[in-house]
Amino acid sequence: MLIDTGVTIAYKCTSCGSFDFFDVSMFTLLYKSDFVLPCRCRESGISIKKEGEKSFLLVIPCIGCGNKHTYLFTRKNILSGQLLSFNCPETDIQICFIGKDEAVRRKVDYLEKEFDELINAYGYESYFSNTQVMFDTLNHIHDIALKNNLYCECGSEDIELILLSDCVFLRCAKCNGSIRLAAAKNEDLKKILGEDQIVISMNRDGLRPGKIEKPVL
């Protein structure tokens, strides 16, 4: 029988403002005395330190109040499979979660949906299914393109980008080959962050793809 010993930690960065996700092995927690988990923007991060044999200290720079907060959690908390939530004591903003991957990502999706609904309530149009996931997806695609790792099988690097409500549509300007990258949930973001290149399949018959949803201008 396979036993999943991994946990996911989601941290809301004080610098870029987005949630970053870390996959941490239980063995890392148990046998490393302390370690740091930096956000992908490299401007902030959290640290975890063993406290005795069964407890851990979690230090989080807080986006809510600007201070650092220290929290205590135990090995029992992790092994129980419960979702741990850490709030800023001054603003009550939820700034970090630890638990099983699916539960953590579902919680962050819920928070970001609430954020979009709040924007709508104040009269702003929310076009994307998940605004933060879309922005983080675009940032990663941009990083891939900067490394010249975004191209079409036909050899062209002239790629058109169109934003739809729940995905990013990439199309080769030369052969009209295309690809859709889902960007609606944190599970979608997890998949794209695991890619270091994007290769568009060439449209061998040369036909332009059918009509798609009107892009965001």
Protein backbone atom coordinates (compact mmCIF):
# COMPACT_ATOMS: atom_id res chain seq x y z
CA MET A 1 0.00 0.00 0.00
CA LEU A 2 1.28 3.45 -0.94
CA ILE A 3 1.13 6.09 1.79
CA ASP A 4 1.18 9.74 0.78
CA THR A 5 3.72 11.41 3.08
CA GLY A 6 3.64 14.79 1.36
CA VAL A 7 1.96 18.00 2.44
CA THR A 8 1.32 21.21 0.53
CA ILE A 9 2.03 24.62 2.02
CA ALA A 10 0.41 27.70 0.48
CA TYR A 11 1.78 31.11 1.44
CA LYS A 12 0.48 34.55 0.41
CA CYS A 13 3.63 36.47 -0.51
CA THR A 14 4.17 39.94 0.96
CA SER A 15 5.95 41.06 -2.20
CA CYS A 16 4.03 39.81 -5.25
CA GLY A 17 0.72 39.31 -3.39
CA SER A 18 -0.02 35.88 -4.85
CA PHE A 19 -0.23 32.47 -3.19
CA ASP A 20 2.77 30.25 -3.82
CA PHE A 21 2.60 26.49 -3.27
CA PHE A 22 5.29 24.21 -1.85
CA ASP A 23 5.26 20.42 -1.86
CA VAL A 24 7.04 19.26 1.29
CA SER A 25 7.80 15.68 2.28
CA MET A 26 6.97 14.59 5.79
CA PHE A 27 10.53 13.30 6.02
CA THR A 28 11.82 16.83 5.36
CA LEU A 29 9.72 18.13 8.23
CA LEU A 30 10.83 15.37 10.59
CA TYR A 31 14.55 15.25 9.83
CA LYS A 32 15.61 18.76 8.80
CA SER A 33 16.15 21.07 11.76
CA ASP A 34 15.17 24.16 9.80
CA PHE A 35 14.64 25.28 6.20
CA VAL A 36 13.33 28.21 4.15
CA LEU A 37 10.68 28.13 1.41
CA PRO A 38 11.09 31.19 -0.85
CA CYS A 39 8.29 32.50 -3.05
CA ARG A 40 8.95 32.11 -6.78
CA CYS A 41 9.38 35.91 -6.98
CA ARG A 42 12.38 35.44 -4.61
CA GLU A 43 11.42 38.54 -2.64
CA SER A 44 9.86 36.82 0.37
CA GLY A 45 9.41 33.41 1.95
CA ILE A 46 8.54 31.40 5.04
CA SER A 47 10.78 29.39 7.37
CA ILE A 48 10.12 26.24 9.37
CA LYS A 49 12.16 25.09 12.37
CA LYS A 50 11.85 21.99 14.53
CA GLU A 51 10.80 22.67 18.10
CA GLY A 52 11.60 19.59 20.11
CA GLU A 53 10.73 16.15 18.73
CA LYS A 54 7.09 16.66 17.83
CA SER A 55 6.55 20.36 17.09
CA PHE A 56 7.49 22.95 14.50
CA LEU A 57 7.76 26.73 14.45
CA LEU A 58 6.47 28.45 11.32
CA VAL A 59 7.64 32.03 10.69
CA ILE A 60 5.58 33.98 8.13
CA PRO A 61 6.10 37.54 6.83
CA CYS A 62 2.55 38.92 6.86
CA ILE A 63 0.96 40.70 3.92
CA GLY A 64 -1.81 41.88 6.22
CA CYS A 65 0.14 43.97 8.74
CA GLY A 66 3.74 43.90 7.48
CA ASN A 67 5.10 42.11 10.54
CA LYS A 68 6.44 38.58 10.96
CA HIS A 69 4.30 36.06 12.84
CA THR A 70 5.43 32.82 14.49
CA TYR A 71 3.06 29.87 14.78
CA LEU A 72 3.40 26.47 16.42
CA PHE A 73 2.04 23.27 14.89
CA THR A 74 2.66 19.63 15.73
CA ARG A 75 3.46 16.40 13.97
CA LYS A 76 0.04 15.14 15.07
CA ASN A 77 -1.61 18.05 13.24
CA ILE A 78 0.08 17.00 10.00
CA LEU A 79 -0.50 13.25 10.37
CA SER A 80 -4.19 13.80 11.13
CA GLY A 81 -4.67 15.15 7.61
CA GLN A 82 -6.47 18.27 8.81
CA LEU A 83 -6.13 21.55 6.94
CA LEU A 84 -4.15 24.03 9.04
CA SER A 85 -4.97 27.71 8.55
CA PHE A 86 -2.79 30.55 9.83
CA ASN A 87 -4.30 34.03 10.17
CA CYS A 88 -2.76 37.44 10.82
CA PRO A 89 -3.60 38.20 14.48
CA GLU A 90 -4.11 41.90 13.69
CA THR A 91 -6.15 41.81 10.46
CA ASP A 92 -7.43 38.19 10.53
CA ILE A 93 -6.31 37.75 6.89
CA GLN A 94 -5.58 34.10 6.07
CA ILE A 95 -1.93 34.06 5.01
CA CYS A 96 -0.88 30.41 5.01
CA PHE A 97 -2.34 26.90 4.77
CA ILE A 98 -0.81 23.46 5.34
CA GLY A 99 -2.44 20.16 4.45
CA LYS A 100 -3.16 17.73 1.65
CA ASP A 101 -2.61 19.22 -1.79
CA GLU A 102 -6.22 19.02 -2.97
CA ALA A 103 -7.59 20.56 0.23
CA VAL A 104 -5.07 23.42 0.22
CA ARG A 105 -5.66 24.32 -3.43
CA ARG A 106 -9.43 24.10 -3.00
CA LYS A 107 -9.22 26.50 -0.05
CA VAL A 108 -7.10 29.00 -2.00
CA ASP A 109 -9.50 28.74 -4.97
CA TYR A 110 -12.37 29.57 -2.61
CA LEU A 111 -10.56 32.60 -1.19
CA GLU A 112 -9.70 33.93 -4.63
CA LYS A 113 -13.29 33.45 -5.77
CA GLU A 114 -14.42 35.46 -2.75
CA PHE A 115 -11.93 38.16 -3.77
CA ASP A 116 -13.38 38.31 -7.29
CA GLU A 117 -16.91 38.55 -5.88
CA LEU A 118 -15.79 41.42 -3.66
CA ILE A 119 -14.40 43.24 -6.70
CA ASN A 120 -17.73 42.73 -8.48
CA ALA A 121 -19.62 44.09 -5.48
CA TYR A 122 -17.69 47.36 -5.81
CA GLY A 123 -18.61 47.70 -9.47
CA TYR A 124 -15.53 46.29 -11.21
CA GLU A 125 -15.85 43.76 -14.01
CA SER A 126 -14.33 40.38 -13.22
CA TYR A 127 -13.73 38.73 -16.56
CA PHE A 128 -11.58 35.79 -15.52
CA SER A 129 -12.77 32.66 -13.74
CA ASN A 130 -9.88 33.13 -11.28
CA THR A 131 -8.03 36.42 -11.69
CA GLN A 132 -4.99 35.50 -9.59
CA VAL A 133 -4.51 32.14 -11.30
CA MET A 134 -4.72 33.86 -14.69
CA PHE A 135 -2.13 36.50 -13.73
CA ASP A 136 0.25 33.89 -12.31
CA THR A 137 -0.20 31.75 -15.43
CA LEU A 138 0.63 34.71 -17.67
CA ASN A 139 3.72 35.50 -15.60
CA HIS A 140 5.00 31.96 -16.03
CA ILE A 141 4.30 31.93 -19.77
CA HIS A 142 6.21 35.21 -19.99
CA ASP A 143 9.16 33.65 -18.13
CA ILE A 144 9.14 30.68 -20.52
CA ALA A 145 9.09 33.01 -23.54
CA LEU A 146 12.03 35.02 -22.18
CA LYS A 147 14.07 31.79 -22.17
CA ASN A 148 13.09 31.17 -25.83
CA ASN A 149 11.19 28.07 -24.77
CA LEU A 150 7.85 29.13 -26.31
CA TYR A 151 7.63 28.16 -29.99
CA CYS A 152 5.76 26.18 -32.61
CA GLU A 153 6.77 22.87 -34.18
CA CYS A 154 7.00 24.70 -37.53
CA GLY A 155 9.98 26.62 -36.13
CA SER A 156 8.25 29.96 -35.62
CA GLU A 157 8.53 31.91 -32.38
CA ASP A 158 5.92 34.46 -33.50
CA ILE A 159 3.15 33.44 -31.13
CA GLU A 160 -0.14 35.29 -30.63
CA LEU A 161 -1.62 35.27 -27.12
CA ILE A 162 -5.36 35.63 -26.51
CA LEU A 163 -6.91 35.69 -23.04
CA LEU A 164 -10.20 33.90 -22.50
CA SER A 165 -12.14 33.79 -19.27
CA ASP A 166 -10.78 30.40 -18.18
CA CYS A 167 -7.71 29.78 -20.33
CA VAL A 168 -4.88 31.23 -22.37
CA PHE A 169 -5.06 30.62 -26.12
CA LEU A 170 -1.69 30.56 -27.93
CA ARG A 171 -1.59 30.59 -31.73
CA CYS A 172 1.30 30.43 -34.16
CA ALA A 173 1.18 33.43 -36.53
CA LYS A 174 2.91 31.40 -39.27
CA CYS A 175 1.05 28.08 -39.53
CA ASN A 176 -1.98 28.80 -37.27
CA GLY A 177 -1.21 25.90 -34.93
CA SER A 178 -2.68 26.51 -31.50
CA ILE A 179 -2.90 25.37 -27.90
CA ARG A 180 -5.21 26.17 -25.00
CA LEU A 181 -3.77 26.34 -21.49
CA ALA A 182 -6.37 26.08 -18.71
CA ALA A 183 -6.14 28.91 -16.15
CA ALA A 184 -9.25 28.66 -14.00
CA LYS A 185 -8.13 26.75 -10.90
CA ASN A 186 -5.02 26.39 -8.77
CA GLU A 187 -4.71 22.85 -10.10
CA ASP A 188 -4.34 24.41 -13.57
CA LEU A 189 -1.66 26.73 -12.21
CA LYS A 190 0.17 23.79 -10.64
CA LYS A 191 0.35 22.09 -14.04
CA ILE A 192 1.70 25.11 -15.95
CA LEU A 193 4.27 25.90 -13.25
CA GLY A 194 5.64 22.41 -13.76
CA GLU A 195 6.45 23.19 -17.40
CA ASP A 196 9.70 24.80 -18.54
CA GLN A 197 8.74 24.96 -22.21
CA ILE A 198 5.61 25.25 -24.36
CA VAL A 199 5.65 23.71 -27.84
CA ILE A 200 2.64 24.37 -30.10
CA SER A 201 1.68 21.56 -32.45
CA MET A 202 1.98 22.66 -36.07
CA ASN A 203 -1.23 23.05 -38.06
CA ARG A 204 -0.21 20.83 -40.98
CA ASP A 205 -3.25 21.54 -43.17
CA GLY A 206 -2.68 25.29 -42.89
CA LEU A 207 -6.29 25.99 -41.96
CA ARG A 208 -6.99 28.77 -39.49
CA PRO A 209 -8.73 27.52 -36.31
CA GLY A 210 -12.41 28.24 -35.93
CA LYS A 211 -13.81 31.36 -34.35
CA ILE A 212 -13.06 31.76 -30.66
CA GLU A 213 -14.37 33.93 -27.87
CA LYS A 214 -13.60 37.64 -28.17
CA PRO A 215 -10.21 38.37 -26.53
CA VAL A 216 -9.57 40.77 -23.70
CA LEU A 217 -8.18 44.09 -24.95
